[in-house]
Amino acid sequence: MRLVVVSDSHGDRDILVQLVAHYKDEVVTFLHCGDSELTTTDSLFQQMTVVQGNMDFNGHFPEQVVVPVGAQKAFLTHGHLYGVNFDLTRLMLAAQAEGAQLAFYGHTHQLACEMHQGLLVLNPGSISQPRGQFQPLGGTYAVVDITATDYQVQYYDRHFEKVPQLQFKFKRA
């Protein structure tokens, strides 16, 4: 199963349209971790699961969603309600309480990917307004491939090019 995880597009609808078009011939699940700054009625969101970000004033998206991904569950939230600027403890506890094996969030505009006690915790970074060490890439998103034994994570820039140093593989619990 393949997931395309994006966040913090901040009104840049064109990049989301390009992202969906880029993967149109693949069977993927699109997940948006909030701050799209688009409305809930936007036709683009018929193709992706979206949550509310702290800058989403035009829509009434859910604050969090649990998405079935095969036999697993992904917990999707923006992160601002869980204090992700400071640490990930509250986010991880919320995901675990939902029985999730994956936790996806945004808000910080900085990509992050790690395993915590069998939980894959991932921030795709911002596709439009990146911050931090990888800001020069101009924006990032993540593709998560779930196999029977592991999670394979590959980050891409906003031109759909792989970022070679941002490739990770974790054993599933």
N, C-alpha and C. Protein backbone atom coordinates (compact mmCIF):
# COMPACT_ATOMS: atom_id res chain seq x y z
N MET A 1 0.84 -1.17 0.00
CA MET A 1 0.00 0.00 0.00
C MET A 1 0.89 1.24 0.00
N ARG A 2 0.48 2.23 -0.76
CA ARG A 2 1.27 3.45 -0.89
C ARG A 2 0.45 4.65 -0.40
N LEU A 3 1.08 5.46 0.47
CA LEU A 3 0.47 6.68 0.98
C LEU A 3 1.31 7.86 0.51
N VAL A 4 0.63 8.92 0.08
CA VAL A 4 1.29 10.18 -0.23
C VAL A 4 0.84 11.16 0.85
N VAL A 5 1.81 11.65 1.64
CA VAL A 5 1.50 12.50 2.79
C VAL A 5 2.06 13.90 2.53
N VAL A 6 1.18 14.88 2.64
CA VAL A 6 1.54 16.27 2.36
C VAL A 6 0.98 17.15 3.46
N SER A 7 1.54 18.33 3.63
CA SER A 7 1.05 19.24 4.66
C SER A 7 1.40 20.68 4.31
N ASP A 8 0.71 21.58 4.98
CA ASP A 8 1.05 23.00 4.98
C ASP A 8 1.25 23.57 3.57
N SER A 9 0.24 23.37 2.73
CA SER A 9 0.31 23.92 1.37
C SER A 9 -0.10 25.40 1.33
N HIS A 10 -0.75 25.88 2.36
CA HIS A 10 -1.06 27.31 2.55
C HIS A 10 -1.57 28.00 1.29
N GLY A 11 -2.66 27.48 0.76
CA GLY A 11 -3.32 28.12 -0.38
C GLY A 11 -2.75 27.77 -1.73
N ASP A 12 -1.66 27.02 -1.76
CA ASP A 12 -1.03 26.64 -3.03
C ASP A 12 -1.77 25.43 -3.62
N ARG A 13 -2.95 25.71 -4.18
CA ARG A 13 -3.78 24.65 -4.74
C ARG A 13 -3.10 23.98 -5.92
N ASP A 14 -2.37 24.78 -6.71
CA ASP A 14 -1.73 24.24 -7.92
C ASP A 14 -0.78 23.08 -7.60
N ILE A 15 -0.02 23.18 -6.52
CA ILE A 15 0.92 22.09 -6.20
C ILE A 15 0.16 20.83 -5.82
N LEU A 16 -1.00 20.98 -5.17
CA LEU A 16 -1.80 19.80 -4.83
C LEU A 16 -2.39 19.16 -6.08
N VAL A 17 -2.84 19.98 -7.01
CA VAL A 17 -3.35 19.45 -8.29
C VAL A 17 -2.24 18.70 -9.02
N GLN A 18 -1.05 19.27 -9.04
CA GLN A 18 0.10 18.62 -9.69
C GLN A 18 0.45 17.30 -8.99
N LEU A 19 0.37 17.30 -7.67
CA LEU A 19 0.69 16.10 -6.90
C LEU A 19 -0.28 14.97 -7.24
N VAL A 20 -1.56 15.26 -7.25
CA VAL A 20 -2.57 14.25 -7.59
C VAL A 20 -2.36 13.77 -9.03
N ALA A 21 -2.09 14.69 -9.94
CA ALA A 21 -1.87 14.31 -11.35
C ALA A 21 -0.61 13.45 -11.49
N HIS A 22 0.41 13.75 -10.71
CA HIS A 22 1.67 12.99 -10.80
C HIS A 22 1.47 11.52 -10.45
N TYR A 23 0.56 11.24 -9.52
CA TYR A 23 0.34 9.87 -9.05
C TYR A 23 -0.95 9.26 -9.61
N LYS A 24 -1.52 9.87 -10.66
CA LYS A 24 -2.82 9.44 -11.17
C LYS A 24 -2.85 8.00 -11.65
N ASP A 25 -1.74 7.47 -12.11
CA ASP A 25 -1.71 6.10 -12.61
C ASP A 25 -1.33 5.07 -11.54
N GLU A 26 -1.19 5.53 -10.31
CA GLU A 26 -0.84 4.63 -9.22
C GLU A 26 -2.01 4.54 -8.24
N VAL A 27 -2.10 3.43 -7.57
CA VAL A 27 -3.10 3.29 -6.52
C VAL A 27 -2.47 3.82 -5.24
N VAL A 28 -2.88 5.01 -4.84
CA VAL A 28 -2.33 5.64 -3.65
C VAL A 28 -3.45 6.22 -2.82
N THR A 29 -3.14 6.47 -1.56
CA THR A 29 -4.02 7.19 -0.66
C THR A 29 -3.34 8.52 -0.37
N PHE A 30 -4.06 9.61 -0.62
CA PHE A 30 -3.53 10.95 -0.36
C PHE A 30 -4.00 11.43 1.01
N LEU A 31 -3.05 11.90 1.81
CA LEU A 31 -3.35 12.41 3.15
C LEU A 31 -2.76 13.82 3.27
N HIS A 32 -3.58 14.77 3.71
CA HIS A 32 -3.13 16.16 3.90
C HIS A 32 -3.24 16.49 5.37
N CYS A 33 -2.10 16.87 5.97
CA CYS A 33 -2.02 17.12 7.42
C CYS A 33 -2.40 18.54 7.83
N GLY A 34 -3.17 19.23 7.02
CA GLY A 34 -3.73 20.51 7.43
C GLY A 34 -2.97 21.73 6.94
N ASP A 35 -3.60 22.88 7.15
CA ASP A 35 -3.17 24.17 6.64
C ASP A 35 -3.13 24.19 5.12
N SER A 36 -4.19 23.64 4.54
CA SER A 36 -4.35 23.75 3.08
C SER A 36 -4.81 25.17 2.74
N GLU A 37 -5.58 25.77 3.64
CA GLU A 37 -6.21 27.08 3.45
C GLU A 37 -7.19 27.07 2.28
N LEU A 38 -7.75 25.90 2.00
CA LEU A 38 -8.79 25.75 0.99
C LEU A 38 -10.09 25.39 1.70
N THR A 39 -11.20 25.41 0.97
CA THR A 39 -12.49 25.10 1.58
C THR A 39 -12.76 23.60 1.55
N THR A 40 -13.61 23.16 2.44
CA THR A 40 -13.98 21.75 2.50
C THR A 40 -14.71 21.31 1.24
N THR A 41 -15.30 22.25 0.51
CA THR A 41 -16.04 21.91 -0.70
C THR A 41 -15.16 21.85 -1.95
N ASP A 42 -13.89 22.12 -1.82
CA ASP A 42 -12.98 22.07 -2.96
C ASP A 42 -12.98 20.65 -3.54
N SER A 43 -13.22 20.53 -4.83
CA SER A 43 -13.30 19.22 -5.48
C SER A 43 -12.02 18.41 -5.33
N LEU A 44 -10.92 19.07 -5.12
CA LEU A 44 -9.64 18.39 -4.94
C LEU A 44 -9.68 17.44 -3.74
N PHE A 45 -10.47 17.80 -2.73
CA PHE A 45 -10.49 17.00 -1.51
C PHE A 45 -11.39 15.77 -1.60
N GLN A 46 -11.99 15.55 -2.76
CA GLN A 46 -12.69 14.29 -2.99
C GLN A 46 -11.68 13.17 -3.17
N GLN A 47 -10.43 13.53 -3.42
CA GLN A 47 -9.37 12.56 -3.68
C GLN A 47 -8.39 12.40 -2.53
N MET A 48 -8.60 13.14 -1.44
CA MET A 48 -7.66 13.03 -0.32
C MET A 48 -8.37 13.26 1.00
N THR A 49 -7.78 12.70 2.04
CA THR A 49 -8.25 12.91 3.40
C THR A 49 -7.51 14.11 3.95
N VAL A 50 -8.25 15.05 4.54
CA VAL A 50 -7.68 16.31 5.00
C VAL A 50 -8.11 16.58 6.43
N VAL A 51 -7.21 17.16 7.23
CA VAL A 51 -7.56 17.59 8.58
C VAL A 51 -7.40 19.10 8.72
N GLN A 52 -7.98 19.62 9.76
CA GLN A 52 -7.97 21.06 10.06
C GLN A 52 -6.61 21.49 10.59
N GLY A 53 -6.08 22.56 10.04
CA GLY A 53 -4.87 23.17 10.56
C GLY A 53 -5.20 24.45 11.29
N ASN A 54 -4.22 25.04 11.94
CA ASN A 54 -4.47 26.27 12.67
C ASN A 54 -4.70 27.48 11.76
N MET A 55 -4.41 27.34 10.46
CA MET A 55 -4.64 28.44 9.51
C MET A 55 -5.80 28.16 8.55
N ASP A 56 -6.54 27.10 8.79
CA ASP A 56 -7.67 26.74 7.92
C ASP A 56 -8.94 27.42 8.39
N PHE A 57 -9.07 28.69 8.04
CA PHE A 57 -10.22 29.48 8.46
C PHE A 57 -11.41 29.32 7.52
N ASN A 58 -11.19 28.80 6.32
CA ASN A 58 -12.24 28.69 5.32
C ASN A 58 -12.97 27.35 5.34
N GLY A 59 -12.49 26.42 6.11
CA GLY A 59 -13.09 25.10 6.09
C GLY A 59 -13.36 24.59 7.48
N HIS A 60 -14.11 23.53 7.51
CA HIS A 60 -14.39 22.88 8.78
C HIS A 60 -14.02 21.41 8.64
N PHE A 61 -12.74 21.20 8.53
CA PHE A 61 -12.21 19.85 8.44
C PHE A 61 -12.17 19.24 9.83
N PRO A 62 -12.14 17.92 9.94
CA PRO A 62 -11.97 17.32 11.26
C PRO A 62 -10.59 17.62 11.83
N GLU A 63 -10.47 17.70 13.14
CA GLU A 63 -9.18 17.99 13.77
C GLU A 63 -8.24 16.80 13.71
N GLN A 64 -8.80 15.62 13.65
CA GLN A 64 -8.00 14.41 13.51
C GLN A 64 -8.86 13.35 12.83
N VAL A 65 -8.19 12.42 12.17
CA VAL A 65 -8.87 11.34 11.48
C VAL A 65 -8.03 10.08 11.66
N VAL A 66 -8.70 8.97 11.82
CA VAL A 66 -8.03 7.67 11.80
C VAL A 66 -8.39 7.03 10.47
N VAL A 67 -7.38 6.76 9.67
CA VAL A 67 -7.57 6.24 8.32
C VAL A 67 -7.13 4.78 8.28
N PRO A 68 -8.03 3.88 7.86
CA PRO A 68 -7.58 2.49 7.69
C PRO A 68 -6.62 2.38 6.50
N VAL A 69 -5.50 1.72 6.72
CA VAL A 69 -4.53 1.48 5.65
C VAL A 69 -4.22 -0.02 5.66
N GLY A 70 -5.00 -0.75 4.90
CA GLY A 70 -4.91 -2.20 4.95
C GLY A 70 -5.37 -2.65 6.33
N ALA A 71 -4.56 -3.47 6.98
CA ALA A 71 -4.89 -3.97 8.31
C ALA A 71 -4.41 -3.02 9.41
N GLN A 72 -3.84 -1.89 9.03
CA GLN A 72 -3.31 -0.94 10.00
C GLN A 72 -4.15 0.32 10.02
N LYS A 73 -3.80 1.21 10.96
CA LYS A 73 -4.49 2.49 11.08
C LYS A 73 -3.46 3.62 11.08
N ALA A 74 -3.81 4.70 10.40
CA ALA A 74 -2.99 5.91 10.40
C ALA A 74 -3.76 7.01 11.13
N PHE A 75 -3.10 7.64 12.08
CA PHE A 75 -3.66 8.78 12.82
C PHE A 75 -3.16 10.04 12.12
N LEU A 76 -4.09 10.86 11.67
CA LEU A 76 -3.77 12.06 10.90
C LEU A 76 -4.26 13.29 11.63
N THR A 77 -3.36 14.25 11.88
CA THR A 77 -3.72 15.50 12.55
C THR A 77 -2.74 16.58 12.10
N HIS A 78 -3.07 17.82 12.39
CA HIS A 78 -2.14 18.90 12.04
C HIS A 78 -0.99 18.96 13.04
N GLY A 79 -1.32 18.80 14.30
CA GLY A 79 -0.27 18.76 15.32
C GLY A 79 -0.30 19.91 16.31
N HIS A 80 -0.88 21.04 15.92
CA HIS A 80 -0.85 22.21 16.81
C HIS A 80 -1.60 21.95 18.12
N LEU A 81 -2.61 21.10 18.11
CA LEU A 81 -3.36 20.79 19.32
C LEU A 81 -2.63 19.81 20.23
N TYR A 82 -1.52 19.26 19.73
CA TYR A 82 -0.74 18.28 20.49
C TYR A 82 0.64 18.82 20.88
N GLY A 83 0.89 20.09 20.64
CA GLY A 83 2.14 20.70 21.05
C GLY A 83 3.37 20.16 20.34
N VAL A 84 3.24 19.84 19.05
CA VAL A 84 4.36 19.22 18.33
C VAL A 84 5.57 20.13 18.16
N ASN A 85 5.41 21.41 18.42
CA ASN A 85 6.57 22.31 18.38
C ASN A 85 7.54 22.02 19.51
N PHE A 86 7.04 21.37 20.56
CA PHE A 86 7.84 21.15 21.76
C PHE A 86 8.28 19.71 21.92
N ASP A 87 7.35 18.76 21.74
CA ASP A 87 7.69 17.34 21.73
C ASP A 87 6.53 16.56 21.12
N LEU A 88 6.73 15.28 20.95
CA LEU A 88 5.74 14.46 20.25
C LEU A 88 4.96 13.54 21.18
N THR A 89 5.15 13.67 22.49
CA THR A 89 4.55 12.74 23.43
C THR A 89 3.03 12.72 23.33
N ARG A 90 2.38 13.86 23.36
CA ARG A 90 0.91 13.91 23.31
C ARG A 90 0.39 13.36 21.99
N LEU A 91 1.08 13.65 20.90
CA LEU A 91 0.69 13.11 19.59
C LEU A 91 0.77 11.59 19.60
N MET A 92 1.88 11.06 20.10
CA MET A 92 2.06 9.61 20.11
C MET A 92 1.03 8.93 21.00
N LEU A 93 0.74 9.50 22.15
CA LEU A 93 -0.27 8.92 23.05
C LEU A 93 -1.65 8.92 22.39
N ALA A 94 -1.99 9.99 21.70
CA ALA A 94 -3.29 10.06 21.01
C ALA A 94 -3.37 9.00 19.92
N ALA A 95 -2.30 8.85 19.16
CA ALA A 95 -2.28 7.84 18.09
C ALA A 95 -2.39 6.44 18.67
N GLN A 96 -1.65 6.18 19.72
CA GLN A 96 -1.70 4.86 20.37
C GLN A 96 -3.08 4.58 20.96
N ALA A 97 -3.72 5.61 21.52
CA ALA A 97 -5.06 5.44 22.08
C ALA A 97 -6.08 5.06 21.00
N GLU A 98 -5.81 5.45 19.78
CA GLU A 98 -6.68 5.12 18.64
C GLU A 98 -6.30 3.78 18.01
N GLY A 99 -5.26 3.14 18.53
CA GLY A 99 -4.82 1.86 17.98
C GLY A 99 -4.06 2.00 16.68
N ALA A 100 -3.50 3.18 16.44
CA ALA A 100 -2.79 3.45 15.18
C ALA A 100 -1.34 2.94 15.23
N GLN A 101 -0.87 2.55 14.06
CA GLN A 101 0.53 2.16 13.90
C GLN A 101 1.34 3.25 13.21
N LEU A 102 0.62 4.24 12.64
CA LEU A 102 1.26 5.36 11.96
C LEU A 102 0.65 6.65 12.48
N ALA A 103 1.48 7.68 12.67
CA ALA A 103 1.00 8.99 13.10
C ALA A 103 1.61 10.04 12.17
N PHE A 104 0.74 10.78 11.50
CA PHE A 104 1.18 11.81 10.55
C PHE A 104 0.71 13.17 11.04
N TYR A 105 1.62 14.14 10.97
CA TYR A 105 1.30 15.49 11.43
C TYR A 105 2.07 16.51 10.60
N GLY A 106 1.72 17.78 10.76
CA GLY A 106 2.40 18.88 10.07
C GLY A 106 2.74 19.97 11.06
N HIS A 107 2.32 21.19 10.76
CA HIS A 107 2.40 22.38 11.60
C HIS A 107 3.78 23.00 11.71
N THR A 108 4.82 22.23 11.90
CA THR A 108 6.16 22.80 12.14
C THR A 108 6.85 23.23 10.85
N HIS A 109 6.35 22.75 9.71
CA HIS A 109 6.96 23.01 8.40
C HIS A 109 8.34 22.36 8.28
N GLN A 110 8.68 21.48 9.20
CA GLN A 110 9.97 20.79 9.17
C GLN A 110 9.72 19.28 9.14
N LEU A 111 10.34 18.64 8.16
CA LEU A 111 10.13 17.20 8.04
C LEU A 111 10.75 16.45 9.20
N ALA A 112 10.17 15.29 9.49
CA ALA A 112 10.65 14.43 10.57
C ALA A 112 10.12 13.02 10.33
N CYS A 113 10.93 12.02 10.67
CA CYS A 113 10.52 10.65 10.47
C CYS A 113 11.27 9.76 11.46
N GLU A 114 10.52 9.05 12.29
CA GLU A 114 11.15 8.16 13.26
C GLU A 114 10.16 7.12 13.75
N MET A 115 10.70 6.05 14.33
CA MET A 115 9.87 5.02 14.95
C MET A 115 9.96 5.18 16.47
N HIS A 116 8.81 5.06 17.12
CA HIS A 116 8.73 5.11 18.59
C HIS A 116 7.86 3.95 19.04
N GLN A 117 8.46 2.96 19.64
CA GLN A 117 7.73 1.83 20.20
C GLN A 117 6.71 1.25 19.22
N GLY A 118 7.17 1.00 18.00
CA GLY A 118 6.30 0.40 16.98
C GLY A 118 5.39 1.37 16.26
N LEU A 119 5.50 2.66 16.54
CA LEU A 119 4.67 3.68 15.91
C LEU A 119 5.53 4.52 14.97
N LEU A 120 5.18 4.53 13.68
CA LEU A 120 5.88 5.40 12.73
C LEU A 120 5.31 6.80 12.89
N VAL A 121 6.17 7.76 13.22
CA VAL A 121 5.77 9.16 13.42
C VAL A 121 6.43 9.98 12.31
N LEU A 122 5.60 10.65 11.51
CA LEU A 122 6.12 11.31 10.31
C LEU A 122 5.50 12.67 10.11
N ASN A 123 6.35 13.64 9.80
CA ASN A 123 5.93 14.96 9.35
C ASN A 123 6.50 15.11 7.94
N PRO A 124 5.64 15.34 6.93
CA PRO A 124 6.14 15.45 5.57
C PRO A 124 6.87 16.76 5.28
N GLY A 125 6.86 17.68 6.24
CA GLY A 125 7.37 19.02 5.98
C GLY A 125 6.30 19.82 5.27
N SER A 126 6.61 21.02 4.89
CA SER A 126 5.66 21.86 4.16
C SER A 126 5.96 21.78 2.67
N ILE A 127 4.93 21.54 1.87
CA ILE A 127 5.09 21.48 0.42
C ILE A 127 5.31 22.88 -0.17
N SER A 128 4.94 23.93 0.58
CA SER A 128 5.00 25.29 0.03
C SER A 128 5.84 26.28 0.81
N GLN A 129 5.97 26.09 2.12
CA GLN A 129 6.70 27.05 2.96
C GLN A 129 7.59 26.31 3.95
N PRO A 130 8.60 25.60 3.44
CA PRO A 130 9.44 24.80 4.34
C PRO A 130 10.30 25.66 5.27
N ARG A 131 10.64 25.04 6.39
CA ARG A 131 11.54 25.68 7.35
C ARG A 131 12.62 24.67 7.72
N GLY A 132 13.66 25.17 8.35
CA GLY A 132 14.69 24.30 8.88
C GLY A 132 15.74 23.89 7.88
N GLN A 133 16.42 22.83 8.20
CA GLN A 133 17.57 22.35 7.44
C GLN A 133 17.27 22.11 5.95
N PHE A 134 16.06 21.66 5.66
CA PHE A 134 15.73 21.30 4.28
C PHE A 134 14.93 22.38 3.55
N GLN A 135 14.91 23.58 4.09
CA GLN A 135 14.22 24.71 3.45
C GLN A 135 14.71 24.94 2.02
N PRO A 136 16.02 24.79 1.73
CA PRO A 136 16.48 25.03 0.36
C PRO A 136 15.85 24.12 -0.70
N LEU A 137 15.22 23.02 -0.28
CA LEU A 137 14.56 22.14 -1.24
C LEU A 137 13.31 22.80 -1.83
N GLY A 138 12.77 23.82 -1.16
CA GLY A 138 11.61 24.53 -1.68
C GLY A 138 10.28 23.91 -1.32
N GLY A 139 10.28 22.84 -0.57
CA GLY A 139 9.06 22.16 -0.17
C GLY A 139 9.23 20.65 -0.29
N THR A 140 8.58 19.91 0.61
CA THR A 140 8.70 18.46 0.59
C THR A 140 7.35 17.80 0.87
N TYR A 141 7.28 16.54 0.48
CA TYR A 141 6.19 15.65 0.87
C TYR A 141 6.80 14.26 1.01
N ALA A 142 6.04 13.33 1.56
CA ALA A 142 6.58 11.98 1.79
C ALA A 142 5.69 10.94 1.13
N VAL A 143 6.33 9.89 0.64
CA VAL A 143 5.63 8.70 0.16
C VAL A 143 5.99 7.56 1.10
N VAL A 144 4.97 6.92 1.63
CA VAL A 144 5.16 5.80 2.56
C VAL A 144 4.64 4.54 1.88
N ASP A 145 5.53 3.60 1.67
CA ASP A 145 5.15 2.29 1.14
C ASP A 145 5.10 1.32 2.30
N ILE A 146 3.96 0.67 2.46
CA ILE A 146 3.78 -0.29 3.54
C ILE A 146 3.82 -1.69 2.94
N THR A 147 4.78 -2.48 3.38
CA THR A 147 4.89 -3.86 2.93
C THR A 147 4.51 -4.78 4.10
N ALA A 148 4.57 -6.06 3.87
CA ALA A 148 4.22 -7.02 4.92
C ALA A 148 5.17 -6.95 6.10
N THR A 149 6.40 -6.47 5.87
CA THR A 149 7.40 -6.49 6.94
C THR A 149 7.92 -5.11 7.37
N ASP A 150 7.73 -4.09 6.51
CA ASP A 150 8.33 -2.81 6.88
C ASP A 150 7.60 -1.61 6.29
N TYR A 151 8.06 -0.44 6.74
CA TYR A 151 7.63 0.85 6.20
C TYR A 151 8.82 1.43 5.44
N GLN A 152 8.60 1.83 4.21
CA GLN A 152 9.64 2.48 3.43
C GLN A 152 9.18 3.91 3.17
N VAL A 153 9.98 4.86 3.62
CA VAL A 153 9.64 6.28 3.50
C VAL A 153 10.63 6.95 2.57
N GLN A 154 10.10 7.66 1.60
CA GLN A 154 10.93 8.44 0.69
C GLN A 154 10.36 9.86 0.63
N TYR A 155 11.22 10.84 0.89
CA TYR A 155 10.81 12.24 0.75
C TYR A 155 11.13 12.71 -0.66
N TYR A 156 10.27 13.62 -1.15
CA TYR A 156 10.41 14.22 -2.47
C TYR A 156 10.34 15.73 -2.32
N ASP A 157 10.94 16.43 -3.28
CA ASP A 157 10.79 17.88 -3.30
C ASP A 157 9.52 18.23 -4.09
N ARG A 158 9.19 19.48 -4.17
CA ARG A 158 7.95 19.88 -4.84
C ARG A 158 8.00 19.75 -6.36
N HIS A 159 9.16 19.30 -6.88
CA HIS A 159 9.28 19.02 -8.31
C HIS A 159 9.22 17.52 -8.57
N PHE A 160 8.80 16.77 -7.54
CA PHE A 160 8.60 15.32 -7.62
C PHE A 160 9.90 14.55 -7.80
N GLU A 161 10.99 15.16 -7.36
CA GLU A 161 12.30 14.50 -7.40
C GLU A 161 12.61 13.90 -6.04
N LYS A 162 13.11 12.67 -6.05
CA LYS A 162 13.52 12.04 -4.79
C LYS A 162 14.64 12.84 -4.14
N VAL A 163 14.60 12.92 -2.81
CA VAL A 163 15.69 13.50 -2.04
C VAL A 163 16.47 12.30 -1.50
N PRO A 164 17.60 11.97 -2.13
CA PRO A 164 18.30 10.72 -1.81
C PRO A 164 18.65 10.53 -0.33
N GLN A 165 19.04 11.59 0.35
CA GLN A 165 19.43 11.45 1.75
C GLN A 165 18.23 11.32 2.68
N LEU A 166 17.02 11.43 2.13
CA LEU A 166 15.81 11.35 2.95
C LEU A 166 15.00 10.11 2.59
N GLN A 167 15.64 8.98 2.77
CA GLN A 167 15.02 7.69 2.52
C GLN A 167 15.22 6.84 3.78
N PHE A 168 14.13 6.25 4.27
CA PHE A 168 14.16 5.52 5.53
C PHE A 168 13.42 4.20 5.40
N LYS A 169 13.87 3.22 6.16
CA LYS A 169 13.20 1.93 6.20
C LYS A 169 13.13 1.48 7.65
N PHE A 170 11.92 1.11 8.07
CA PHE A 170 11.70 0.67 9.45
C PHE A 170 10.95 -0.65 9.43
N LYS A 171 11.32 -1.54 10.34
CA LYS A 171 10.60 -2.80 10.50
C LYS A 171 9.26 -2.53 11.18
N ARG A 172 8.22 -3.18 10.66
CA ARG A 172 6.91 -3.07 11.30
C ARG A 172 6.90 -3.88 12.58
N ALA A 173 6.15 -3.42 13.54
CA ALA A 173 6.05 -4.14 14.83
C ALA A 173 5.17 -5.36 14.69
